[in-house]
């Protein structure tokens, strides 16, 4: 419509979805031993540890970016903001849960 104001793109939300996709890809590469030349130690634990560190740090960055996506007017109704929050928040919660279980089992 000619009288309707143009919607500004929500760059922060789009960046958070891109961060999630890149994080998943890099974590899957680390899981398979790409960054350690296939030397993952006993039962692959070094590669798994590295992939969880990459997943956790990437999801923190993506989740913060998704939260900045809520600053736009009407962002609560936009699907891409919620995709960014869920794509980064759910793996982040799982990584934090795993970290808490490891810390609890040590004592």
PDB file of N, CA and C in Angstrom:
ATOM      1  N   UNK A   1       0.838  -1.178   0.000  1.00  0.00           N
ATOM      2  CA  UNK A   1       0.000   0.000   0.000  1.00  0.00           C
ATOM      3  C   UNK A   1       0.883   1.241   0.000  1.00  0.00           C
ATOM      4  N   UNK A   2       0.482   2.258  -0.716  1.00  0.00           N
ATOM      5  CA  UNK A   2       1.327   3.449  -0.788  1.00  0.00           C
ATOM      6  C   UNK A   2       1.402   4.210   0.531  1.00  0.00           C
ATOM      7  N   UNK A   3       0.364   4.170   1.349  1.00  0.00           N
ATOM      8  CA  UNK A   3       0.358   4.945   2.587  1.00  0.00           C
ATOM      9  C   UNK A   3       0.957   4.199   3.769  1.00  0.00           C
ATOM     10  N   UNK A   4       1.187   2.907   3.635  1.00  0.00           N
ATOM     11  CA  UNK A   4       1.707   2.120   4.765  1.00  0.00           C
ATOM     12  C   UNK A   4       3.211   2.348   4.911  1.00  0.00           C
ATOM     13  N   UNK A   5       3.664   2.518   6.162  1.00  0.00           N
ATOM     14  CA  UNK A   5       5.116   2.696   6.344  1.00  0.00           C
ATOM     15  C   UNK A   5       5.857   1.391   6.069  1.00  0.00           C
ATOM     16  N   UNK A   6       7.036   1.538   5.540  1.00  0.00           N
ATOM     17  CA  UNK A   6       7.848   0.356   5.228  1.00  0.00           C
ATOM     18  C   UNK A   6       8.381  -0.254   6.521  1.00  0.00           C
ATOM     19  N   UNK A   7       8.366  -1.586   6.588  1.00  0.00           N
ATOM     20  CA  UNK A   7       8.901  -2.278   7.765  1.00  0.00           C
ATOM     21  C   UNK A   7      10.406  -2.365   7.656  1.00  0.00           C
ATOM     22  N   UNK A   8      11.053  -2.065   8.759  1.00  0.00           N
ATOM     23  CA  UNK A   8      12.504  -2.198   8.791  1.00  0.00           C
ATOM     24  C   UNK A   8      12.845  -3.657   9.048  1.00  0.00           C
ATOM     25  N   UNK A   9      13.849  -4.177   8.383  1.00  0.00           N
ATOM     26  CA  UNK A   9      14.237  -5.566   8.650  1.00  0.00           C
ATOM     27  C   UNK A   9      14.859  -5.687  10.039  1.00  0.00           C
ATOM     28  N   UNK A  10      14.575  -6.785  10.675  1.00  0.00           N
ATOM     29  CA  UNK A  10      15.105  -7.047  12.011  1.00  0.00           C
ATOM     30  C   UNK A  10      16.440  -7.770  11.842  1.00  0.00           C
ATOM     31  N   UNK A  11      17.495  -6.990  11.739  1.00  0.00           N
ATOM     32  CA  UNK A  11      18.821  -7.529  11.453  1.00  0.00           C
ATOM     33  C   UNK A  11      19.319  -8.391  12.608  1.00  0.00           C
ATOM     34  N   UNK A  12      19.070  -7.981  13.839  1.00  0.00           N
ATOM     35  CA  UNK A  12      19.562  -8.733  14.996  1.00  0.00           C
ATOM     36  C   UNK A  12      18.961 -10.131  15.034  1.00  0.00           C
ATOM     37  N   UNK A  13      17.688 -10.252  14.705  1.00  0.00           N
ATOM     38  CA  UNK A  13      17.048 -11.570  14.700  1.00  0.00           C
ATOM     39  C   UNK A  13      17.596 -12.433  13.573  1.00  0.00           C
ATOM     40  N   UNK A  14      17.815 -11.842  12.419  1.00  0.00           N
ATOM     41  CA  UNK A  14      18.379 -12.603  11.301  1.00  0.00           C
ATOM     42  C   UNK A  14      19.805 -13.053  11.611  1.00  0.00           C
ATOM     43  N   UNK A  15      20.565 -12.197  12.279  1.00  0.00           N
ATOM     44  CA  UNK A  15      21.932 -12.559  12.661  1.00  0.00           C
ATOM     45  C   UNK A  15      21.907 -13.699  13.677  1.00  0.00           C
ATOM     46  N   UNK A  16      20.943 -13.692  14.592  1.00  0.00           N
ATOM     47  CA  UNK A  16      20.876 -14.767  15.588  1.00  0.00           C
ATOM     48  C   UNK A  16      20.557 -16.114  14.941  1.00  0.00           C
ATOM     49  N   UNK A  17      19.714 -16.121  13.932  1.00  0.00           N
ATOM     50  CA  UNK A  17      19.424 -17.372  13.214  1.00  0.00           C
ATOM     51  C   UNK A  17      20.663 -17.830  12.441  1.00  0.00           C
ATOM     52  N   UNK A  18      21.385 -16.884  11.844  1.00  0.00           N
ATOM     53  CA  UNK A  18      22.618 -17.235  11.130  1.00  0.00           C
ATOM     54  C   UNK A  18      23.680 -17.764  12.092  1.00  0.00           C
ATOM     55  N   UNK A  19      23.787 -17.158  13.271  1.00  0.00           N
ATOM     56  CA  UNK A  19      24.737 -17.642  14.278  1.00  0.00           C
ATOM     57  C   UNK A  19      24.379 -19.061  14.696  1.00  0.00           C
ATOM     58  N   UNK A  20      23.088 -19.339  14.859  1.00  0.00           N
ATOM     59  CA  UNK A  20      22.665 -20.695  15.230  1.00  0.00           C
ATOM     60  C   UNK A  20      23.060 -21.700  14.157  1.00  0.00           C
ATOM     61  N   UNK A  21      22.830 -21.358  12.897  1.00  0.00           N
ATOM     62  CA  UNK A  21      23.163 -22.288  11.815  1.00  0.00           C
ATOM     63  C   UNK A  21      24.672 -22.522  11.728  1.00  0.00           C
ATOM     64  N   UNK A  22      25.447 -21.461  11.838  1.00  0.00           N
ATOM     65  CA  UNK A  22      26.903 -21.604  11.784  1.00  0.00           C
ATOM     66  C   UNK A  22      27.415 -22.378  12.993  1.00  0.00           C
ATOM     67  N   UNK A  23      26.833 -22.120  14.158  1.00  0.00           N
ATOM     68  CA  UNK A  23      27.242 -22.820  15.378  1.00  0.00           C
ATOM     69  C   UNK A  23      26.965 -24.311  15.267  1.00  0.00           C
ATOM     70  N   UNK A  24      25.793 -24.679  14.761  1.00  0.00           N
ATOM     71  CA  UNK A  24      25.477 -26.103  14.598  1.00  0.00           C
ATOM     72  C   UNK A  24      26.454 -26.763  13.634  1.00  0.00           C
ATOM     73  N   UNK A  25      26.776 -26.074  12.547  1.00  0.00           N
ATOM     74  CA  UNK A  25      27.682 -26.634  11.549  1.00  0.00           C
ATOM     75  C   UNK A  25      29.084 -26.824  12.117  1.00  0.00           C
ATOM     76  N   UNK A  26      29.608 -25.807  12.792  1.00  0.00           N
ATOM     77  CA  UNK A  26      30.962 -25.889  13.346  1.00  0.00           C
ATOM     78  C   UNK A  26      31.025 -26.916  14.469  1.00  0.00           C
ATOM     79  N   UNK A  27      29.980 -26.989  15.298  1.00  0.00           N
ATOM     80  CA  UNK A  27      29.962 -27.987  16.374  1.00  0.00           C
ATOM     81  C   UNK A  27      29.903 -29.404  15.810  1.00  0.00           C
ATOM     82  N   UNK A  28      29.185 -29.591  14.709  1.00  0.00           N
ATOM     83  CA  UNK A  28      29.148 -30.925  14.105  1.00  0.00           C
ATOM     84  C   UNK A  28      30.497 -31.296  13.494  1.00  0.00           C
ATOM     85  N   UNK A  29      31.204 -30.307  12.941  1.00  0.00           N
ATOM     86  CA  UNK A  29      32.555 -30.569  12.442  1.00  0.00           C
ATOM     87  C   UNK A  29      33.500 -30.931  13.584  1.00  0.00           C
ATOM     88  N   UNK A  30      33.380 -30.226  14.699  1.00  0.00           N
ATOM     89  CA  UNK A  30      34.233 -30.529  15.851  1.00  0.00           C
ATOM     90  C   UNK A  30      33.899 -31.898  16.421  1.00  0.00           C
ATOM     91  N   UNK A  31      32.632 -32.278  16.407  1.00  0.00           N
ATOM     92  CA  UNK A  31      32.198 -33.570  16.930  1.00  0.00           C
ATOM     93  C   UNK A  31      32.833 -34.728  16.166  1.00  0.00           C
ATOM     94  N   UNK A  32      33.003 -34.542  14.863  1.00  0.00           N
ATOM     95  CA  UNK A  32      33.563 -35.614  14.034  1.00  0.00           C
ATOM     96  C   UNK A  32      35.081 -35.613  14.017  1.00  0.00           C
ATOM     97  N   UNK A  33      35.730 -34.644  14.662  1.00  0.00           N
ATOM     98  CA  UNK A  33      37.173 -34.630  14.757  1.00  0.00           C
ATOM     99  C   UNK A  33      37.876 -33.847  13.671  1.00  0.00           C
ATOM    100  N   UNK A  34      37.185 -32.986  12.982  1.00  0.00           N
ATOM    101  CA  UNK A  34      37.786 -32.214  11.900  1.00  0.00           C
ATOM    102  C   UNK A  34      38.888 -31.291  12.403  1.00  0.00           C
ATOM    103  N   UNK A  35      38.689 -30.667  13.551  1.00  0.00           N
ATOM    104  CA  UNK A  35      39.651 -29.694  14.047  1.00  0.00           C
ATOM    105  C   UNK A  35      40.809 -30.328  14.811  1.00  0.00           C
ATOM    106  N   UNK A  36      40.696 -31.602  15.156  1.00  0.00           N
ATOM    107  CA  UNK A  36      41.776 -32.272  15.887  1.00  0.00           C
ATOM    108  C   UNK A  36      42.426 -33.365  15.040  1.00  0.00           C
ATOM    109  N   UNK A  37      42.197 -33.329  13.748  1.00  0.00           N
ATOM    110  CA  UNK A  37      42.789 -34.280  12.797  1.00  0.00           C
ATOM    111  C   UNK A  37      42.445 -35.726  13.154  1.00  0.00           C
ATOM    112  N   UNK A  38      41.256 -35.945  13.675  1.00  0.00           N
ATOM    113  CA  UNK A  38      40.798 -37.293  13.976  1.00  0.00           C
ATOM    114  C   UNK A  38      41.334 -37.881  15.269  1.00  0.00           C
ATOM    115  N   UNK A  39      42.154 -37.144  16.007  1.00  0.00           N
ATOM    116  CA  UNK A  39      42.683 -37.642  17.289  1.00  0.00           C
ATOM    117  C   UNK A  39      41.800 -37.123  18.406  1.00  0.00           C
ATOM    118  N   UNK A  40      40.825 -37.907  18.753  1.00  0.00           N
ATOM    119  CA  UNK A  40      39.836 -37.463  19.729  1.00  0.00           C
ATOM    120  C   UNK A  40      40.031 -38.087  21.107  1.00  0.00           C
ATOM    121  N   UNK A  41      41.056 -38.868  21.292  1.00  0.00           N
ATOM    122  CA  UNK A  41      41.303 -39.458  22.598  1.00  0.00           C
ATOM    123  C   UNK A  41      40.430 -40.679  22.840  1.00  0.00           C
ATOM    124  N   UNK A  42      40.352 -41.080  24.104  1.00  0.00           N
ATOM    125  CA  UNK A  42      39.557 -42.251  24.477  1.00  0.00           C
ATOM    126  C   UNK A  42      38.077 -41.979  24.254  1.00  0.00           C
ATOM    127  N   UNK A  43      37.451 -42.818  23.465  1.00  0.00           N
ATOM    128  CA  UNK A  43      36.012 -42.766  23.176  1.00  0.00           C
ATOM    129  C   UNK A  43      35.576 -41.435  22.566  1.00  0.00           C
ATOM    130  N   UNK A  44      36.495 -40.669  22.014  1.00  0.00           N
ATOM    131  CA  UNK A  44      36.141 -39.413  21.358  1.00  0.00           C
ATOM    132  C   UNK A  44      35.795 -38.286  22.300  1.00  0.00           C
ATOM    133  N   UNK A  45      36.223 -38.356  23.553  1.00  0.00           N
ATOM    134  CA  UNK A  45      35.809 -37.371  24.548  1.00  0.00           C
ATOM    135  C   UNK A  45      36.382 -35.981  24.294  1.00  0.00           C
ATOM    136  N   UNK A  46      37.581 -35.873  23.719  1.00  0.00           N
ATOM    137  CA  UNK A  46      38.120 -34.544  23.448  1.00  0.00           C
ATOM    138  C   UNK A  46      37.316 -33.835  22.372  1.00  0.00           C
ATOM    139  N   UNK A  47      36.882 -34.564  21.367  1.00  0.00           N
ATOM    140  CA  UNK A  47      36.089 -33.953  20.300  1.00  0.00           C
ATOM    141  C   UNK A  47      34.695 -33.565  20.803  1.00  0.00           C
ATOM    142  N   UNK A  48      34.130 -34.399  21.637  1.00  0.00           N
ATOM    143  CA  UNK A  48      32.810 -34.086  22.182  1.00  0.00           C
ATOM    144  C   UNK A  48      32.891 -32.859  23.082  1.00  0.00           C
ATOM    145  N   UNK A  49      33.940 -32.791  23.894  1.00  0.00           N
ATOM    146  CA  UNK A  49      34.111 -31.619  24.753  1.00  0.00           C
ATOM    147  C   UNK A  49      34.268 -30.345  23.960  1.00  0.00           C
ATOM    148  N   UNK A  50      35.073 -30.399  22.913  1.00  0.00           N
ATOM    149  CA  UNK A  50      35.271 -29.224  22.067  1.00  0.00           C
ATOM    150  C   UNK A  50      33.972 -28.811  21.387  1.00  0.00           C
ATOM    151  N   UNK A  51      33.201 -29.779  20.926  1.00  0.00           N
ATOM    152  CA  UNK A  51      31.949 -29.427  20.252  1.00  0.00           C
ATOM    153  C   UNK A  51      30.947 -28.808  21.215  1.00  0.00           C
ATOM    154  N   UNK A  52      30.918 -29.271  22.473  1.00  0.00           N
ATOM    155  CA  UNK A  52      30.002 -28.664  23.442  1.00  0.00           C
ATOM    156  C   UNK A  52      30.452 -27.269  23.832  1.00  0.00           C
ATOM    157  N   UNK A  53      31.760 -27.032  23.882  1.00  0.00           N
ATOM    158  CA  UNK A  53      32.249 -25.676  24.149  1.00  0.00           C
ATOM    159  C   UNK A  53      31.868 -24.741  23.008  1.00  0.00           C
ATOM    160  N   UNK A  54      32.048 -25.198  21.775  1.00  0.00           N
ATOM    161  CA  UNK A  54      31.669 -24.385  20.618  1.00  0.00           C
ATOM    162  C   UNK A  54      30.166 -24.141  20.575  1.00  0.00           C
ATOM    163  N   UNK A  55      29.385 -25.176  20.858  1.00  0.00           N
ATOM    164  CA  UNK A  55      27.928 -25.032  20.850  1.00  0.00           C
ATOM    165  C   UNK A  55      27.474 -24.061  21.929  1.00  0.00           C
ATOM    166  N   UNK A  56      28.031 -24.180  23.113  1.00  0.00           N
ATOM    167  CA  UNK A  56      27.633 -23.294  24.205  1.00  0.00           C
ATOM    168  C   UNK A  56      27.996 -21.843  23.941  1.00  0.00           C
ATOM    169  N   UNK A  57      29.218 -21.594  23.482  1.00  0.00           N
ATOM    170  CA  UNK A  57      29.625 -20.210  23.243  1.00  0.00           C
ATOM    171  C   UNK A  57      28.883 -19.598  22.059  1.00  0.00           C
ATOM    172  N   UNK A  58      28.635 -20.388  21.020  1.00  0.00           N
ATOM    173  CA  UNK A  58      27.869 -19.870  19.890  1.00  0.00           C
ATOM    174  C   UNK A  58      26.428 -19.581  20.243  1.00  0.00           C
ATOM    175  N   UNK A  59      25.840 -20.428  21.059  1.00  0.00           N
ATOM    176  CA  UNK A  59      24.443 -20.206  21.455  1.00  0.00           C
ATOM    177  C   UNK A  59      24.297 -19.017  22.393  1.00  0.00           C
ATOM    178  N   UNK A  60      25.313 -18.743  23.206  1.00  0.00           N
ATOM    179  CA  UNK A  60      25.269 -17.535  24.037  1.00  0.00           C
ATOM    180  C   UNK A  60      25.254 -16.296  23.146  1.00  0.00           C
ATOM    181  N   UNK A  61      26.144 -16.262  22.154  1.00  0.00           N
ATOM    182  CA  UNK A  61      26.189 -15.115  21.241  1.00  0.00           C
ATOM    183  C   UNK A  61      24.886 -14.985  20.453  1.00  0.00           C
ATOM    184  N   UNK A  62      24.346 -16.098  19.974  1.00  0.00           N
ATOM    185  CA  UNK A  62      23.096 -16.050  19.219  1.00  0.00           C
ATOM    186  C   UNK A  62      21.903 -15.668  20.073  1.00  0.00           C
ATOM    187  N   UNK A  63      21.880 -16.136  21.316  1.00  0.00           N
ATOM    188  CA  UNK A  63      20.765 -15.804  22.210  1.00  0.00           C
ATOM    189  C   UNK A  63      20.782 -14.320  22.562  1.00  0.00           C
ATOM    190  N   UNK A  64      21.964 -13.768  22.804  1.00  0.00           N
ATOM    191  CA  UNK A  64      22.060 -12.328  23.083  1.00  0.00           C
ATOM    192  C   UNK A  64      21.626 -11.531  21.861  1.00  0.00           C
ATOM    193  N   UNK A  65      22.021 -11.968  20.682  1.00  0.00           N
ATOM    194  CA  UNK A  65      21.598 -11.293  19.453  1.00  0.00           C
ATOM    195  C   UNK A  65      20.088 -11.387  19.265  1.00  0.00           C
ATOM    196  N   UNK A  66      19.502 -12.530  19.595  1.00  0.00           N
ATOM    197  CA  UNK A  66      18.049 -12.678  19.480  1.00  0.00           C
ATOM    198  C   UNK A  66      17.329 -11.773  20.470  1.00  0.00           C
ATOM    199  N   UNK A  67      17.881 -11.603  21.662  1.00  0.00           N
ATOM    200  CA  UNK A  67      17.262 -10.698  22.629  1.00  0.00           C
ATOM    201  C   UNK A  67      17.308  -9.255  22.146  1.00  0.00           C
ATOM    202  N   UNK A  68      18.372  -8.885  21.436  1.00  0.00           N
ATOM    203  CA  UNK A  68      18.414  -7.545  20.843  1.00  0.00           C
ATOM    204  C   UNK A  68      17.370  -7.399  19.742  1.00  0.00           C
ATOM    205  N   UNK A  69      16.927  -8.489  19.158  1.00  0.00           N
ATOM    206  CA  UNK A  69      15.882  -8.438  18.142  1.00  0.00           C
ATOM    207  C   UNK A  69      14.535  -8.021  18.685  1.00  0.00           C
ATOM    208  N   UNK A  70      14.335  -8.164  19.999  1.00  0.00           N
ATOM    209  CA  UNK A  70      13.073  -7.758  20.607  1.00  0.00           C
ATOM    210  C   UNK A  70      12.954  -6.244  20.756  1.00  0.00           C
ATOM    211  N   UNK A  71      14.016  -5.496  20.495  1.00  0.00           N
ATOM    212  CA  UNK A  71      13.973  -4.045  20.647  1.00  0.00           C
ATOM    213  C   UNK A  71      13.107  -3.373  19.589  1.00  0.00           C
ATOM    214  N   UNK A  72      12.920  -4.005  18.451  1.00  0.00           N
ATOM    215  CA  UNK A  72      12.122  -3.404  17.387  1.00  0.00           C
ATOM    216  C   UNK A  72      10.648  -3.397  17.762  1.00  0.00           C
ATOM    217  N   UNK A  73       9.957  -2.406  17.273  1.00  0.00           N
ATOM    218  CA  UNK A  73       8.528  -2.309  17.527  1.00  0.00           C
ATOM    219  C   UNK A  73       7.797  -3.464  16.858  1.00  0.00           C
ATOM    220  N   UNK A  74       6.957  -4.121  17.579  1.00  0.00           N
ATOM    221  CA  UNK A  74       6.197  -5.242  17.038  1.00  0.00           C
ATOM    222  C   UNK A  74       7.006  -6.509  16.895  1.00  0.00           C
ATOM    223  N   UNK A  75       8.166  -6.567  17.526  1.00  0.00           N
ATOM    224  CA  UNK A  75       9.037  -7.739  17.366  1.00  0.00           C
ATOM    225  C   UNK A  75       8.466  -8.972  18.047  1.00  0.00           C
ATOM    226  N   UNK A  76       7.610  -8.797  19.030  1.00  0.00           N
ATOM    227  CA  UNK A  76       7.040  -9.947  19.726  1.00  0.00           C
ATOM    228  C   UNK A  76       6.194 -10.802  18.797  1.00  0.00           C
ATOM    229  N   UNK A  77       5.687 -10.190  17.719  1.00  0.00           N
ATOM    230  CA  UNK A  77       4.843 -10.934  16.785  1.00  0.00           C
ATOM    231  C   UNK A  77       5.624 -11.517  15.620  1.00  0.00           C
ATOM    232  N   UNK A  78       6.879 -11.187  15.483  1.00  0.00           N
ATOM    233  CA  UNK A  78       7.655 -11.666  14.342  1.00  0.00           C
ATOM    234  C   UNK A  78       8.196 -13.056  14.607  1.00  0.00           C
ATOM    235  N   UNK A  79       8.050 -13.886  13.626  1.00  0.00           N
ATOM    236  CA  UNK A  79       8.436 -15.286  13.754  1.00  0.00           C
ATOM    237  C   UNK A  79       9.949 -15.443  13.822  1.00  0.00           C
ATOM    238  N   UNK A  80      10.688 -14.625  13.078  1.00  0.00           N
ATOM    239  CA  UNK A  80      12.134 -14.806  13.020  1.00  0.00           C
ATOM    240  C   UNK A  80      12.793 -14.546  14.374  1.00  0.00           C
ATOM    241  N   UNK A  81      12.213 -13.651  15.172  1.00  0.00           N
ATOM    242  CA  UNK A  81      12.770 -13.400  16.508  1.00  0.00           C
ATOM    243  C   UNK A  81      12.625 -14.656  17.365  1.00  0.00           C
ATOM    244  N   UNK A  82      11.463 -15.276  17.308  1.00  0.00           N
ATOM    245  CA  UNK A  82      11.231 -16.477  18.113  1.00  0.00           C
ATOM    246  C   UNK A  82      12.040 -17.661  17.609  1.00  0.00           C
ATOM    247  N   UNK A  83      12.267 -17.733  16.301  1.00  0.00           N
ATOM    248  CA  UNK A  83      13.134 -18.790  15.773  1.00  0.00           C
ATOM    249  C   UNK A  83      14.552 -18.615  16.318  1.00  0.00           C
ATOM    250  N   UNK A  84      15.036 -17.380  16.347  1.00  0.00           N
ATOM    251  CA  UNK A  84      16.359 -17.111  16.893  1.00  0.00           C
ATOM    252  C   UNK A  84      16.459 -17.433  18.371  1.00  0.00           C
ATOM    253  N   UNK A  85      15.430 -17.081  19.126  1.00  0.00           N
ATOM    254  CA  UNK A  85      15.435 -17.364  20.571  1.00  0.00           C
ATOM    255  C   UNK A  85      15.419 -18.867  20.820  1.00  0.00           C
ATOM    256  N   UNK A  86      14.566 -19.584  20.124  1.00  0.00           N
ATOM    257  CA  UNK A  86      14.460 -21.029  20.352  1.00  0.00           C
ATOM    258  C   UNK A  86      15.659 -21.791  19.792  1.00  0.00           C
ATOM    259  N   UNK A  87      16.161 -21.384  18.620  1.00  0.00           N
ATOM    260  CA  UNK A  87      17.290 -22.093  18.013  1.00  0.00           C
ATOM    261  C   UNK A  87      18.569 -21.926  18.824  1.00  0.00           C
ATOM    262  N   UNK A  88      18.667 -20.854  19.586  1.00  0.00           N
ATOM    263  CA  UNK A  88      19.843 -20.644  20.422  1.00  0.00           C
ATOM    264  C   UNK A  88      19.576 -20.968  21.887  1.00  0.00           C
ATOM    265  N   UNK A  89      18.361 -20.763  22.337  1.00  0.00           N
ATOM    266  CA  UNK A  89      18.053 -20.947  23.751  1.00  0.00           C
ATOM    267  C   UNK A  89      17.934 -22.399  24.176  1.00  0.00           C
ATOM    268  N   UNK A  90      17.325 -23.229  23.355  1.00  0.00           N
ATOM    269  CA  UNK A  90      17.145 -24.637  23.734  1.00  0.00           C
ATOM    270  C   UNK A  90      18.479 -25.368  23.809  1.00  0.00           C
ATOM    271  N   UNK A  91      19.372 -25.263  22.811  1.00  0.00           N
ATOM    272  CA  UNK A  91      20.677 -25.918  22.972  1.00  0.00           C
ATOM    273  C   UNK A  91      21.488 -25.326  24.129  1.00  0.00           C
ATOM    274  N   UNK A  92      21.344 -24.021  24.353  1.00  0.00           N
ATOM    275  CA  UNK A  92      22.057 -23.405  25.465  1.00  0.00           C
ATOM    276  C   UNK A  92      21.587 -23.971  26.799  1.00  0.00           C
ATOM    277  N   UNK A  93      20.287 -24.161  26.957  1.00  0.00           N
ATOM    278  CA  UNK A  93      19.773 -24.770  28.185  1.00  0.00           C
ATOM    279  C   UNK A  93      20.263 -26.201  28.351  1.00  0.00           C
ATOM    280  N   UNK A  94      20.321 -26.940  27.265  1.00  0.00           N
ATOM    281  CA  UNK A  94      20.807 -28.319  27.345  1.00  0.00           C
ATOM    282  C   UNK A  94      22.288 -28.385  27.697  1.00  0.00           C
ATOM    283  N   UNK A  95      23.089 -27.480  27.141  1.00  0.00           N
ATOM    284  CA  UNK A  95      24.514 -27.445  27.476  1.00  0.00           C
ATOM    285  C   UNK A  95      24.703 -27.052  28.937  1.00  0.00           C
ATOM    286  N   UNK A  96      23.942 -26.061  29.401  1.00  0.00           N
ATOM    287  CA  UNK A  96      24.048 -25.661  30.804  1.00  0.00           C
ATOM    288  C   UNK A  96      23.567 -26.767  31.739  1.00  0.00           C
ATOM    289  N   UNK A  97      22.545 -27.507  31.336  1.00  0.00           N
ATOM    290  CA  UNK A  97      22.079 -28.643  32.131  1.00  0.00           C
ATOM    291  C   UNK A  97      23.160 -29.726  32.210  1.00  0.00           C
ATOM    292  N   UNK A  98      23.797 -30.016  31.097  1.00  0.00           N
ATOM    293  CA  UNK A  98      24.878 -30.998  31.089  1.00  0.00           C
ATOM    294  C   UNK A  98      26.050 -30.556  31.945  1.00  0.00           C
ATOM    295  N   UNK A  99      26.379 -29.265  31.887  1.00  0.00           N
ATOM    296  CA  UNK A  99      27.454 -28.736  32.718  1.00  0.00           C
ATOM    297  C   UNK A  99      27.110 -28.840  34.195  1.00  0.00           C
ATOM    298  N   UNK A 100      25.860 -28.547  34.533  1.00  0.00           N
ATOM    299  CA  UNK A 100      25.433 -28.668  35.931  1.00  0.00           C
ATOM    300  C   UNK A 100      25.496 -30.114  36.402  1.00  0.00           C
ATOM    301  N   UNK A 101      25.121 -31.055  35.551  1.00  0.00           N
ATOM    302  CA  UNK A 101      25.180 -32.466  35.940  1.00  0.00           C
ATOM    303  C   UNK A 101      26.619 -32.931  36.134  1.00  0.00           C
ATOM    304  N   UNK A 102      27.517 -32.467  35.282  1.00  0.00           N
ATOM    305  CA  UNK A 102      28.928 -32.833  35.438  1.00  0.00           C
ATOM    306  C   UNK A 102      29.474 -32.267  36.745  1.00  0.00           C
ATOM    307  N   UNK A 103      29.140 -31.020  37.035  1.00  0.00           N
ATOM    308  CA  UNK A 103      29.618 -30.420  38.282  1.00  0.00           C
ATOM    309  C   UNK A 103      29.020 -31.078  39.513  1.00  0.00           C
ATOM    310  N   UNK A 104      27.764 -31.498  39.423  1.00  0.00           N
ATOM    311  CA  UNK A 104      27.143 -32.177  40.561  1.00  0.00           C
ATOM    312  C   UNK A 104      27.709 -33.579  40.782  1.00  0.00           C
ATOM    313  N   UNK A 105      28.077 -34.247  39.713  1.00  0.00           N
ATOM    314  CA  UNK A 105      28.618 -35.595  39.843  1.00  0.00           C
ATOM    315  C   UNK A 105      30.048 -35.614  40.352  1.00  0.00           C
ATOM    316  N   UNK A 106      30.732 -34.493  40.248  1.00  0.00           N
ATOM    317  CA  UNK A 106      32.109 -34.444  40.729  1.00  0.00           C
ATOM    318  C   UNK A 106      32.168 -34.441  42.248  1.00  0.00           C
ATOM    319  N   UNK A 107      31.141 -33.977  42.907  1.00  0.00           N
ATOM    320  CA  UNK A 107      31.180 -33.860  44.375  1.00  0.00           C
ATOM    321  C   UNK A 107      30.382 -34.949  45.031  1.00  0.00           C
TER     322      UNK A 107
END
